[in-house]
């Protein structure tokens, strides 16, 4: 069994939030906690940006998002952002993602929340194409046409380490509960990059 800690959200102004997050992650790493998770909630800082920042102030602790809502950004944008955070953290990112809830997607963002399971499947197809594109011998291009997305995008962003992806359950899906999650295919490492010690 491995024990992790949730860091954030934090009330107050943004400067205070960042300072507190940095203090919390320093304590967590000093205490030997193996993982820290940053929640993505509608009224707080961006989880992946915070993961990237915390990665610059730590050396060992694994960092994850819990959970990035899919509807808030295009899968190409999320793939690029996740790969950037993975590079900044030296390969310590676990990308937690899921289809969120209707009261966030529809009521707050004004976006449709129809058939979330189908949307998640189509979204993951684009992400998996991004993982293949930047793998060893990959096509360096994302070409996907499905019920939600039509993507033909050059993509040459190599991963510094395998990128674990965890999926959470949204309304109307049959995915597991976010706290239990489920493993999705990893993004492969750039050729010649070793798996980091302790990576599962």
N, C-alpha and C. Protein backbone atom coordinates (compact mmCIF):
# COMPACT_ATOMS: atom_id res chain seq x y z
N UNK A 1 0.83 -1.18 0.00
CA UNK A 1 0.00 0.00 0.00
C UNK A 1 0.88 1.24 0.00
N UNK A 2 0.49 2.23 -0.82
CA UNK A 2 1.18 3.51 -0.85
C UNK A 2 0.22 4.60 -0.40
N UNK A 3 0.72 5.52 0.41
CA UNK A 3 -0.10 6.60 0.94
C UNK A 3 0.29 7.90 0.27
N UNK A 4 -0.70 8.65 -0.21
CA UNK A 4 -0.44 9.95 -0.81
C UNK A 4 -1.14 11.04 -0.05
N UNK A 5 -0.93 12.27 -0.46
CA UNK A 5 -1.53 13.42 0.19
C UNK A 5 -2.17 14.31 -0.87
N UNK A 6 -3.31 14.92 -0.54
CA UNK A 6 -3.94 15.90 -1.41
C UNK A 6 -3.47 17.28 -0.98
N UNK A 7 -2.97 18.06 -1.93
CA UNK A 7 -2.48 19.41 -1.64
C UNK A 7 -3.35 20.41 -2.38
N UNK A 8 -3.94 21.38 -1.63
CA UNK A 8 -4.89 22.30 -2.19
C UNK A 8 -6.27 21.66 -2.19
N UNK A 9 -7.33 22.38 -2.51
CA UNK A 9 -7.35 23.81 -2.83
C UNK A 9 -7.13 24.66 -1.60
N UNK A 10 -6.79 25.90 -1.81
CA UNK A 10 -6.44 26.81 -0.73
C UNK A 10 -7.24 28.09 -0.88
N UNK A 11 -7.88 28.53 0.20
CA UNK A 11 -8.62 29.79 0.16
C UNK A 11 -7.64 30.96 0.20
N UNK A 12 -8.09 32.10 -0.33
CA UNK A 12 -7.26 33.29 -0.26
C UNK A 12 -6.78 33.74 -1.61
N UNK A 13 -5.93 34.76 -1.63
CA UNK A 13 -5.44 35.30 -2.90
C UNK A 13 -4.43 34.33 -3.52
N UNK A 14 -4.19 34.52 -4.81
CA UNK A 14 -3.36 33.57 -5.56
C UNK A 14 -1.93 33.48 -5.04
N UNK A 15 -1.37 34.61 -4.62
CA UNK A 15 0.00 34.59 -4.11
C UNK A 15 0.08 33.72 -2.85
N UNK A 16 -0.89 33.89 -1.97
CA UNK A 16 -0.91 33.09 -0.75
C UNK A 16 -1.10 31.62 -1.08
N UNK A 17 -1.96 31.31 -2.04
CA UNK A 17 -2.18 29.92 -2.43
C UNK A 17 -0.88 29.27 -2.90
N UNK A 18 -0.15 29.96 -3.76
CA UNK A 18 1.09 29.39 -4.31
C UNK A 18 2.10 29.17 -3.19
N UNK A 19 2.24 30.16 -2.30
CA UNK A 19 3.18 30.03 -1.19
C UNK A 19 2.83 28.84 -0.33
N UNK A 20 1.53 28.67 -0.03
CA UNK A 20 1.10 27.55 0.82
C UNK A 20 1.32 26.21 0.12
N UNK A 21 1.05 26.14 -1.17
CA UNK A 21 1.29 24.90 -1.92
C UNK A 21 2.77 24.51 -1.87
N UNK A 22 3.65 25.49 -2.03
CA UNK A 22 5.08 25.20 -2.00
C UNK A 22 5.52 24.73 -0.61
N UNK A 23 4.95 25.33 0.43
CA UNK A 23 5.26 24.89 1.79
C UNK A 23 4.75 23.47 2.03
N UNK A 24 3.54 23.19 1.56
CA UNK A 24 2.95 21.87 1.77
C UNK A 24 3.72 20.78 1.05
N UNK A 25 4.14 21.04 -0.19
CA UNK A 25 4.85 20.00 -0.94
C UNK A 25 6.23 19.76 -0.34
N UNK A 26 6.86 20.81 0.18
CA UNK A 26 8.16 20.64 0.83
C UNK A 26 8.03 19.75 2.07
N UNK A 27 6.96 19.95 2.86
CA UNK A 27 6.74 19.12 4.04
C UNK A 27 6.44 17.67 3.64
N UNK A 28 5.64 17.51 2.59
CA UNK A 28 5.29 16.16 2.15
C UNK A 28 6.53 15.39 1.69
N UNK A 29 7.37 16.03 0.92
CA UNK A 29 8.57 15.33 0.44
C UNK A 29 9.52 15.04 1.60
N UNK A 30 9.67 16.00 2.51
CA UNK A 30 10.55 15.80 3.66
C UNK A 30 10.06 14.66 4.55
N UNK A 31 8.74 14.46 4.60
CA UNK A 31 8.17 13.39 5.41
C UNK A 31 8.24 12.03 4.73
N UNK A 32 8.68 11.99 3.48
CA UNK A 32 8.81 10.73 2.77
C UNK A 32 7.53 10.23 2.14
N UNK A 33 6.52 11.09 2.02
CA UNK A 33 5.27 10.68 1.37
C UNK A 33 5.54 10.45 -0.12
N UNK A 34 5.10 9.34 -0.68
CA UNK A 34 5.49 9.01 -2.06
C UNK A 34 4.76 9.79 -3.15
N UNK A 35 3.50 10.22 -2.89
CA UNK A 35 2.73 10.89 -3.93
C UNK A 35 1.96 12.07 -3.37
N UNK A 36 1.77 13.07 -4.21
CA UNK A 36 0.93 14.22 -3.87
C UNK A 36 0.00 14.48 -5.04
N UNK A 37 -1.26 14.80 -4.74
CA UNK A 37 -2.29 14.98 -5.76
C UNK A 37 -2.84 16.39 -5.66
N UNK A 38 -2.98 17.04 -6.82
CA UNK A 38 -3.48 18.40 -6.90
C UNK A 38 -4.87 18.36 -7.53
N UNK A 39 -5.91 18.82 -6.81
CA UNK A 39 -7.26 18.79 -7.38
C UNK A 39 -7.47 19.89 -8.40
N UNK A 40 -8.28 19.60 -9.41
CA UNK A 40 -8.70 20.64 -10.35
C UNK A 40 -10.16 20.93 -10.08
N UNK A 41 -10.42 22.07 -9.44
CA UNK A 41 -11.79 22.46 -9.15
C UNK A 41 -12.09 23.77 -9.87
N UNK A 42 -13.37 24.07 -10.10
CA UNK A 42 -13.71 25.18 -10.99
C UNK A 42 -13.21 26.55 -10.55
N UNK A 43 -13.08 26.79 -9.25
CA UNK A 43 -12.74 28.13 -8.78
C UNK A 43 -11.34 28.23 -8.20
N UNK A 44 -10.42 27.39 -8.69
CA UNK A 44 -9.07 27.43 -8.14
C UNK A 44 -8.03 27.41 -9.26
N UNK A 45 -6.77 27.38 -8.87
CA UNK A 45 -5.66 27.43 -9.81
C UNK A 45 -5.64 26.20 -10.71
N UNK A 46 -4.91 26.31 -11.83
CA UNK A 46 -4.79 25.22 -12.79
C UNK A 46 -3.92 24.10 -12.21
N UNK A 47 -4.45 22.88 -12.18
CA UNK A 47 -3.77 21.76 -11.53
C UNK A 47 -2.46 21.40 -12.23
N UNK A 48 -2.46 21.32 -13.55
CA UNK A 48 -1.24 20.93 -14.25
C UNK A 48 -0.14 21.98 -14.14
N UNK A 49 -0.53 23.25 -14.15
CA UNK A 49 0.48 24.30 -13.93
C UNK A 49 1.06 24.21 -12.53
N UNK A 50 0.21 23.90 -11.55
CA UNK A 50 0.70 23.75 -10.18
C UNK A 50 1.61 22.53 -10.06
N UNK A 51 1.26 21.43 -10.73
CA UNK A 51 2.13 20.26 -10.74
C UNK A 51 3.51 20.63 -11.30
N UNK A 52 3.52 21.38 -12.39
CA UNK A 52 4.79 21.78 -12.99
C UNK A 52 5.61 22.62 -12.01
N UNK A 53 4.95 23.57 -11.35
CA UNK A 53 5.66 24.40 -10.37
C UNK A 53 6.20 23.56 -9.22
N UNK A 54 5.37 22.69 -8.67
CA UNK A 54 5.81 21.86 -7.55
C UNK A 54 6.94 20.94 -7.96
N UNK A 55 6.95 20.54 -9.24
CA UNK A 55 8.03 19.70 -9.73
C UNK A 55 9.38 20.38 -9.73
N UNK A 56 9.37 21.71 -9.84
CA UNK A 56 10.65 22.45 -9.83
C UNK A 56 11.20 22.59 -8.42
N UNK A 57 10.36 22.33 -7.41
CA UNK A 57 10.78 22.50 -6.01
C UNK A 57 10.96 21.18 -5.28
N UNK A 58 10.83 20.07 -6.01
CA UNK A 58 10.96 18.75 -5.40
C UNK A 58 11.84 17.88 -6.28
N UNK A 59 12.27 16.74 -5.72
CA UNK A 59 13.15 15.84 -6.46
C UNK A 59 12.62 14.42 -6.56
N UNK A 60 11.80 14.00 -5.60
CA UNK A 60 11.44 12.58 -5.52
C UNK A 60 9.94 12.33 -5.61
N UNK A 61 9.14 13.13 -4.94
CA UNK A 61 7.72 12.84 -4.78
C UNK A 61 7.01 12.83 -6.13
N UNK A 62 6.13 11.84 -6.34
CA UNK A 62 5.35 11.78 -7.57
C UNK A 62 4.15 12.72 -7.45
N UNK A 63 3.78 13.35 -8.56
CA UNK A 63 2.76 14.40 -8.58
C UNK A 63 1.65 14.02 -9.55
N UNK A 64 0.40 14.20 -9.11
CA UNK A 64 -0.72 13.84 -9.97
C UNK A 64 -1.83 14.86 -9.92
N UNK A 65 -2.68 14.84 -10.95
CA UNK A 65 -3.86 15.69 -10.99
C UNK A 65 -5.09 14.86 -10.64
N UNK A 66 -6.02 15.50 -9.90
CA UNK A 66 -7.22 14.78 -9.45
C UNK A 66 -8.41 15.73 -9.42
N UNK A 67 -9.12 15.84 -10.48
CA UNK A 67 -9.00 15.20 -11.78
C UNK A 67 -9.22 16.32 -12.82
N UNK A 68 -8.48 16.33 -13.92
CA UNK A 68 -8.65 17.33 -14.96
C UNK A 68 -9.91 17.02 -15.76
N UNK A 69 -10.89 17.95 -15.81
CA UNK A 69 -12.11 17.69 -16.59
C UNK A 69 -11.83 17.78 -18.08
N UNK A 70 -12.30 16.80 -18.83
CA UNK A 70 -11.99 16.73 -20.26
C UNK A 70 -12.59 17.87 -21.06
N UNK A 71 -13.81 18.28 -20.73
CA UNK A 71 -14.52 19.22 -21.58
C UNK A 71 -13.91 20.62 -21.59
N UNK A 72 -13.07 20.93 -20.63
CA UNK A 72 -12.55 22.29 -20.51
C UNK A 72 -11.50 22.63 -21.57
N UNK A 73 -10.95 21.62 -22.26
CA UNK A 73 -9.94 21.91 -23.27
C UNK A 73 -9.86 20.78 -24.29
N UNK A 74 -9.39 21.14 -25.47
CA UNK A 74 -9.23 20.18 -26.55
C UNK A 74 -8.17 19.14 -26.16
N UNK A 75 -8.33 17.88 -26.59
CA UNK A 75 -7.35 16.86 -26.22
C UNK A 75 -5.93 17.16 -26.69
N UNK A 76 -5.76 17.85 -27.81
CA UNK A 76 -4.42 18.22 -28.25
C UNK A 76 -3.78 19.18 -27.25
N UNK A 77 -4.57 20.14 -26.77
CA UNK A 77 -4.07 21.09 -25.78
C UNK A 77 -3.70 20.36 -24.48
N UNK A 78 -4.54 19.42 -24.05
CA UNK A 78 -4.24 18.69 -22.83
C UNK A 78 -3.00 17.82 -22.99
N UNK A 79 -2.86 17.16 -24.14
CA UNK A 79 -1.68 16.34 -24.39
C UNK A 79 -0.41 17.18 -24.33
N UNK A 80 -0.45 18.34 -24.98
CA UNK A 80 0.72 19.22 -24.98
C UNK A 80 1.04 19.72 -23.56
N UNK A 81 -0.01 20.10 -22.81
CA UNK A 81 0.18 20.59 -21.45
C UNK A 81 0.72 19.49 -20.54
N UNK A 82 0.17 18.28 -20.66
CA UNK A 82 0.64 17.17 -19.83
C UNK A 82 2.08 16.81 -20.14
N UNK A 83 2.44 16.79 -21.40
CA UNK A 83 3.83 16.48 -21.77
C UNK A 83 4.79 17.55 -21.27
N UNK A 84 4.34 18.80 -21.29
CA UNK A 84 5.18 19.88 -20.76
C UNK A 84 5.40 19.70 -19.26
N UNK A 85 4.31 19.42 -18.52
CA UNK A 85 4.44 19.18 -17.08
C UNK A 85 5.30 17.95 -16.80
N UNK A 86 5.16 16.93 -17.63
CA UNK A 86 5.97 15.72 -17.45
C UNK A 86 7.46 16.03 -17.63
N UNK A 87 7.78 16.88 -18.59
CA UNK A 87 9.18 17.26 -18.80
C UNK A 87 9.70 18.09 -17.63
N UNK A 88 8.90 19.03 -17.14
CA UNK A 88 9.32 19.90 -16.05
C UNK A 88 9.53 19.10 -14.76
N UNK A 89 8.67 18.10 -14.52
CA UNK A 89 8.79 17.31 -13.29
C UNK A 89 9.80 16.18 -13.41
N UNK A 90 10.43 16.05 -14.55
CA UNK A 90 11.39 14.97 -14.73
C UNK A 90 10.76 13.60 -14.76
N UNK A 91 9.50 13.52 -15.26
CA UNK A 91 8.85 12.23 -15.40
C UNK A 91 8.09 11.76 -14.17
N UNK A 92 7.64 12.70 -13.32
CA UNK A 92 6.95 12.31 -12.08
C UNK A 92 5.45 12.58 -12.12
N UNK A 93 4.90 12.86 -13.27
CA UNK A 93 3.48 13.19 -13.39
C UNK A 93 2.62 11.94 -13.60
N UNK A 94 1.49 11.89 -12.90
CA UNK A 94 0.39 10.99 -13.24
C UNK A 94 -0.78 11.87 -13.62
N UNK A 95 -1.29 11.70 -14.83
CA UNK A 95 -2.37 12.53 -15.34
C UNK A 95 -3.71 11.90 -14.97
N UNK A 96 -4.40 12.51 -14.02
CA UNK A 96 -5.74 12.09 -13.67
C UNK A 96 -6.75 12.92 -14.45
N UNK A 97 -7.67 12.26 -15.15
CA UNK A 97 -8.64 12.99 -15.97
C UNK A 97 -9.98 12.29 -15.94
N UNK A 98 -11.03 13.04 -16.31
CA UNK A 98 -12.36 12.46 -16.32
C UNK A 98 -13.37 13.42 -16.92
N UNK A 99 -14.61 12.95 -17.15
CA UNK A 99 -15.63 13.75 -17.83
C UNK A 99 -16.39 14.73 -16.95
N UNK A 100 -16.01 14.86 -15.67
CA UNK A 100 -16.59 15.85 -14.78
C UNK A 100 -18.08 15.62 -14.56
N UNK A 101 -18.84 16.69 -14.28
CA UNK A 101 -20.26 16.61 -13.93
C UNK A 101 -21.05 17.67 -14.69
N UNK A 102 -22.35 17.42 -14.87
CA UNK A 102 -23.16 18.33 -15.68
C UNK A 102 -23.21 19.72 -15.09
N UNK A 103 -23.21 19.85 -13.76
CA UNK A 103 -23.32 21.18 -13.15
C UNK A 103 -22.05 22.00 -13.32
N UNK A 104 -20.92 21.35 -13.62
CA UNK A 104 -19.70 22.09 -13.97
C UNK A 104 -19.69 22.37 -15.46
N UNK A 105 -19.88 21.33 -16.26
CA UNK A 105 -19.74 21.46 -17.71
C UNK A 105 -20.87 22.32 -18.31
N UNK A 106 -22.11 22.02 -17.97
CA UNK A 106 -23.24 22.75 -18.55
C UNK A 106 -23.53 24.06 -17.83
N UNK A 107 -23.69 23.97 -16.50
CA UNK A 107 -24.13 25.15 -15.76
C UNK A 107 -23.04 26.21 -15.63
N UNK A 108 -21.79 25.80 -15.46
CA UNK A 108 -20.70 26.76 -15.28
C UNK A 108 -20.04 27.14 -16.60
N UNK A 109 -19.74 26.13 -17.43
CA UNK A 109 -18.99 26.40 -18.66
C UNK A 109 -19.89 26.64 -19.87
N UNK A 110 -21.17 26.29 -19.76
CA UNK A 110 -22.08 26.49 -20.88
C UNK A 110 -21.86 25.54 -22.03
N UNK A 111 -21.30 24.36 -21.74
CA UNK A 111 -21.00 23.37 -22.77
C UNK A 111 -21.98 22.20 -22.64
N UNK A 112 -22.22 21.49 -23.74
CA UNK A 112 -23.14 20.34 -23.66
C UNK A 112 -22.55 19.21 -22.82
N UNK A 113 -23.41 18.53 -22.08
CA UNK A 113 -22.98 17.36 -21.31
C UNK A 113 -23.87 16.18 -21.70
N UNK A 114 -23.70 15.76 -22.94
CA UNK A 114 -24.48 14.67 -23.49
C UNK A 114 -23.57 13.48 -23.78
N UNK A 115 -24.01 12.30 -23.42
CA UNK A 115 -23.27 11.07 -23.69
C UNK A 115 -21.81 11.19 -23.22
N UNK A 116 -21.59 11.42 -21.91
CA UNK A 116 -20.23 11.62 -21.41
C UNK A 116 -19.32 10.41 -21.62
N UNK A 117 -19.88 9.21 -21.60
CA UNK A 117 -19.04 8.03 -21.83
C UNK A 117 -18.50 8.02 -23.26
N UNK A 118 -19.38 8.36 -24.23
CA UNK A 118 -18.93 8.41 -25.62
C UNK A 118 -17.90 9.53 -25.82
N UNK A 119 -18.15 10.68 -25.18
CA UNK A 119 -17.21 11.80 -25.28
C UNK A 119 -15.85 11.40 -24.71
N UNK A 120 -15.87 10.72 -23.57
CA UNK A 120 -14.61 10.28 -22.95
C UNK A 120 -13.86 9.32 -23.85
N UNK A 121 -14.59 8.37 -24.44
CA UNK A 121 -13.95 7.41 -25.35
C UNK A 121 -13.30 8.12 -26.53
N UNK A 122 -14.03 9.06 -27.13
CA UNK A 122 -13.49 9.79 -28.28
C UNK A 122 -12.29 10.65 -27.88
N UNK A 123 -12.37 11.27 -26.71
CA UNK A 123 -11.28 12.10 -26.21
C UNK A 123 -10.01 11.26 -26.00
N UNK A 124 -10.21 10.10 -25.35
CA UNK A 124 -9.07 9.22 -25.10
C UNK A 124 -8.46 8.68 -26.39
N UNK A 125 -9.27 8.51 -27.41
CA UNK A 125 -8.72 8.07 -28.69
C UNK A 125 -7.72 9.09 -29.23
N UNK A 126 -8.03 10.38 -29.07
CA UNK A 126 -7.10 11.42 -29.51
C UNK A 126 -5.85 11.42 -28.64
N UNK A 127 -6.03 11.29 -27.31
CA UNK A 127 -4.86 11.25 -26.43
C UNK A 127 -3.97 10.06 -26.75
N UNK A 128 -4.57 8.91 -26.97
CA UNK A 128 -3.76 7.73 -27.29
C UNK A 128 -3.02 7.91 -28.61
N UNK A 129 -3.65 8.61 -29.56
CA UNK A 129 -2.96 8.90 -30.82
C UNK A 129 -1.78 9.84 -30.58
N UNK A 130 -1.94 10.77 -29.63
CA UNK A 130 -0.82 11.64 -29.27
C UNK A 130 0.31 10.84 -28.64
N UNK A 131 -0.06 9.88 -27.78
CA UNK A 131 0.98 9.04 -27.16
C UNK A 131 1.73 8.25 -28.23
N UNK A 132 0.97 7.69 -29.19
CA UNK A 132 1.63 6.93 -30.26
C UNK A 132 2.49 7.84 -31.13
N UNK A 133 2.03 9.06 -31.38
CA UNK A 133 2.76 9.97 -32.27
C UNK A 133 4.14 10.27 -31.75
N UNK A 134 4.27 10.36 -30.42
CA UNK A 134 5.57 10.76 -29.88
C UNK A 134 6.34 9.57 -29.32
N UNK A 135 5.87 8.36 -29.56
CA UNK A 135 6.60 7.18 -29.14
C UNK A 135 7.71 6.84 -30.10
N UNK A 136 8.47 5.82 -29.77
CA UNK A 136 9.57 5.39 -30.61
C UNK A 136 9.04 4.96 -31.97
N UNK A 137 9.49 5.62 -33.02
CA UNK A 137 9.04 5.30 -34.37
C UNK A 137 7.65 5.79 -34.69
N UNK A 138 7.09 6.65 -33.82
CA UNK A 138 5.75 7.16 -34.03
C UNK A 138 5.66 8.07 -35.25
N UNK A 139 4.45 8.32 -35.73
CA UNK A 139 4.27 9.08 -36.97
C UNK A 139 4.48 10.58 -36.84
N UNK A 140 4.64 11.11 -35.62
CA UNK A 140 4.80 12.55 -35.38
C UNK A 140 3.61 13.33 -35.92
N UNK A 141 2.46 12.68 -35.92
CA UNK A 141 1.24 13.33 -36.36
C UNK A 141 0.05 12.63 -35.70
N UNK A 142 -0.97 13.39 -35.38
CA UNK A 142 -2.19 12.85 -34.78
C UNK A 142 -3.29 12.92 -35.83
N UNK A 143 -3.81 11.76 -36.21
CA UNK A 143 -4.86 11.69 -37.21
C UNK A 143 -5.99 10.83 -36.67
N UNK A 144 -7.05 11.49 -36.24
CA UNK A 144 -8.20 10.82 -35.63
C UNK A 144 -9.48 11.45 -36.17
N UNK A 145 -10.41 10.62 -36.57
CA UNK A 145 -11.75 11.07 -36.89
C UNK A 145 -12.72 10.14 -36.18
N UNK A 146 -13.49 10.69 -35.26
CA UNK A 146 -14.48 9.90 -34.55
C UNK A 146 -15.76 10.71 -34.38
N UNK A 147 -16.64 10.30 -33.51
CA UNK A 147 -17.92 10.98 -33.38
C UNK A 147 -17.85 12.39 -32.83
N UNK A 148 -16.74 12.74 -32.17
CA UNK A 148 -16.60 14.05 -31.54
C UNK A 148 -15.50 14.90 -32.17
N UNK A 149 -14.40 14.29 -32.55
CA UNK A 149 -13.23 15.04 -32.98
C UNK A 149 -12.80 14.64 -34.39
N UNK A 150 -12.36 15.64 -35.13
CA UNK A 150 -11.66 15.42 -36.40
C UNK A 150 -10.32 16.14 -36.26
N UNK A 151 -9.26 15.38 -36.12
CA UNK A 151 -7.95 15.94 -35.80
C UNK A 151 -6.92 15.44 -36.82
N UNK A 152 -6.23 16.37 -37.43
CA UNK A 152 -5.08 16.08 -38.29
C UNK A 152 -4.03 17.11 -37.92
N UNK A 153 -3.19 16.74 -36.95
CA UNK A 153 -2.32 17.72 -36.30
C UNK A 153 -0.89 17.20 -36.21
N UNK A 154 0.09 17.91 -36.78
CA UNK A 154 1.49 17.52 -36.55
C UNK A 154 1.79 17.56 -35.05
N UNK A 155 2.52 16.59 -34.57
CA UNK A 155 2.77 16.51 -33.13
C UNK A 155 4.10 15.83 -32.90
N UNK A 156 5.07 16.56 -32.41
CA UNK A 156 6.42 16.02 -32.21
C UNK A 156 6.92 16.43 -30.84
N UNK A 157 6.18 16.01 -29.81
CA UNK A 157 6.53 16.33 -28.44
C UNK A 157 6.84 15.02 -27.73
N UNK A 158 8.10 14.72 -27.55
CA UNK A 158 8.48 13.44 -26.97
C UNK A 158 8.37 13.48 -25.45
N UNK A 159 8.01 12.36 -24.85
CA UNK A 159 7.91 12.27 -23.40
C UNK A 159 9.26 11.91 -22.81
N UNK A 160 9.57 12.53 -21.66
CA UNK A 160 10.84 12.24 -21.00
C UNK A 160 10.78 10.94 -20.20
N UNK A 161 9.57 10.44 -19.94
CA UNK A 161 9.37 9.21 -19.18
C UNK A 161 7.97 8.70 -19.46
N UNK A 162 7.70 7.43 -19.18
CA UNK A 162 6.32 6.95 -19.35
C UNK A 162 5.36 7.81 -18.54
N UNK A 163 4.21 8.13 -19.12
CA UNK A 163 3.23 9.00 -18.46
C UNK A 163 2.00 8.20 -18.06
N UNK A 164 1.86 7.86 -16.78
CA UNK A 164 0.66 7.14 -16.34
C UNK A 164 -0.57 8.02 -16.46
N UNK A 165 -1.68 7.42 -16.88
CA UNK A 165 -2.95 8.14 -17.01
C UNK A 165 -3.99 7.39 -16.19
N UNK A 166 -4.72 8.13 -15.35
CA UNK A 166 -5.77 7.54 -14.53
C UNK A 166 -7.09 8.18 -14.90
N UNK A 167 -8.13 7.35 -15.02
CA UNK A 167 -9.44 7.86 -15.40
C UNK A 167 -10.39 7.85 -14.23
N UNK A 168 -11.19 8.92 -14.12
CA UNK A 168 -12.22 9.01 -13.10
C UNK A 168 -13.60 8.87 -13.73
N UNK A 169 -14.61 8.58 -12.91
CA UNK A 169 -15.97 8.37 -13.39
C UNK A 169 -16.73 9.68 -13.42
N UNK A 170 -17.42 9.94 -14.51
CA UNK A 170 -18.33 11.06 -14.59
C UNK A 170 -19.76 10.57 -14.59
N UNK A 171 -20.70 11.48 -14.56
CA UNK A 171 -22.10 11.09 -14.60
C UNK A 171 -22.42 10.40 -15.92
N UNK A 172 -23.16 9.32 -15.84
CA UNK A 172 -23.59 8.63 -17.05
C UNK A 172 -22.53 7.75 -17.68
N UNK A 173 -21.41 7.54 -16.98
CA UNK A 173 -20.37 6.67 -17.51
C UNK A 173 -20.32 5.41 -16.66
N UNK A 174 -19.61 4.42 -17.17
CA UNK A 174 -19.42 3.19 -16.41
C UNK A 174 -17.99 3.07 -15.93
N UNK A 175 -17.27 4.18 -15.92
CA UNK A 175 -15.91 4.14 -15.40
C UNK A 175 -15.96 4.09 -13.88
N UNK A 176 -14.88 3.62 -13.24
CA UNK A 176 -14.88 3.52 -11.79
C UNK A 176 -14.89 4.88 -11.11
N UNK A 177 -15.11 4.86 -9.82
CA UNK A 177 -15.09 6.05 -9.00
C UNK A 177 -13.71 6.70 -9.08
N UNK A 178 -13.61 8.06 -9.06
CA UNK A 178 -12.32 8.72 -9.20
C UNK A 178 -11.29 8.29 -8.17
N UNK A 179 -11.72 7.98 -6.94
CA UNK A 179 -10.73 7.62 -5.93
C UNK A 179 -10.11 6.26 -6.21
N UNK A 180 -10.86 5.42 -6.89
CA UNK A 180 -10.29 4.12 -7.26
C UNK A 180 -9.66 4.21 -8.65
N UNK A 181 -10.33 4.90 -9.54
CA UNK A 181 -9.80 5.12 -10.87
C UNK A 181 -9.59 3.83 -11.64
N UNK A 182 -8.97 3.97 -12.79
CA UNK A 182 -8.55 2.79 -13.53
C UNK A 182 -7.35 3.19 -14.36
N UNK A 183 -6.46 2.23 -14.60
CA UNK A 183 -5.28 2.51 -15.37
C UNK A 183 -5.63 2.56 -16.84
N UNK A 184 -5.12 3.57 -17.51
CA UNK A 184 -5.25 3.71 -18.95
C UNK A 184 -3.86 3.55 -19.55
N UNK A 185 -3.76 3.35 -20.85
CA UNK A 185 -2.44 3.14 -21.44
C UNK A 185 -1.49 4.28 -21.14
N UNK A 186 -0.24 3.92 -20.79
CA UNK A 186 0.77 4.93 -20.53
C UNK A 186 1.24 5.56 -21.82
N UNK A 187 1.70 6.80 -21.70
CA UNK A 187 2.42 7.42 -22.78
C UNK A 187 3.84 6.89 -22.73
N UNK A 188 4.37 6.36 -23.82
CA UNK A 188 5.72 5.79 -23.77
C UNK A 188 6.78 6.86 -23.61
N UNK A 189 7.91 6.44 -23.09
CA UNK A 189 9.03 7.37 -22.95
C UNK A 189 9.71 7.61 -24.29
N UNK A 190 10.42 8.71 -24.37
CA UNK A 190 11.26 8.97 -25.53
C UNK A 190 12.28 7.85 -25.65
N UNK A 191 12.65 7.44 -26.86
CA UNK A 191 13.64 6.37 -27.03
C UNK A 191 14.91 6.66 -26.23
N UNK A 192 15.38 5.64 -25.51
CA UNK A 192 16.61 5.79 -24.76
C UNK A 192 16.41 6.30 -23.34
N UNK A 193 15.21 6.71 -22.99
CA UNK A 193 14.94 7.18 -21.64
C UNK A 193 14.56 6.00 -20.77
N UNK A 194 15.23 5.88 -19.64
CA UNK A 194 14.93 4.78 -18.73
C UNK A 194 13.72 5.12 -17.88
N UNK A 195 13.01 4.07 -17.47
CA UNK A 195 11.93 4.27 -16.49
C UNK A 195 12.59 4.73 -15.21
N UNK A 196 12.00 5.72 -14.56
CA UNK A 196 12.59 6.22 -13.33
C UNK A 196 12.37 5.22 -12.21
N UNK A 197 13.25 5.24 -11.25
CA UNK A 197 13.18 4.31 -10.14
C UNK A 197 11.86 4.48 -9.40
N UNK A 198 11.25 3.34 -9.09
CA UNK A 198 10.00 3.37 -8.33
C UNK A 198 8.77 3.59 -9.15
N UNK A 199 8.92 3.82 -10.47
CA UNK A 199 7.73 4.05 -11.31
C UNK A 199 6.98 2.75 -11.48
N UNK A 200 5.66 2.82 -11.31
CA UNK A 200 4.84 1.62 -11.46
C UNK A 200 4.27 1.56 -12.85
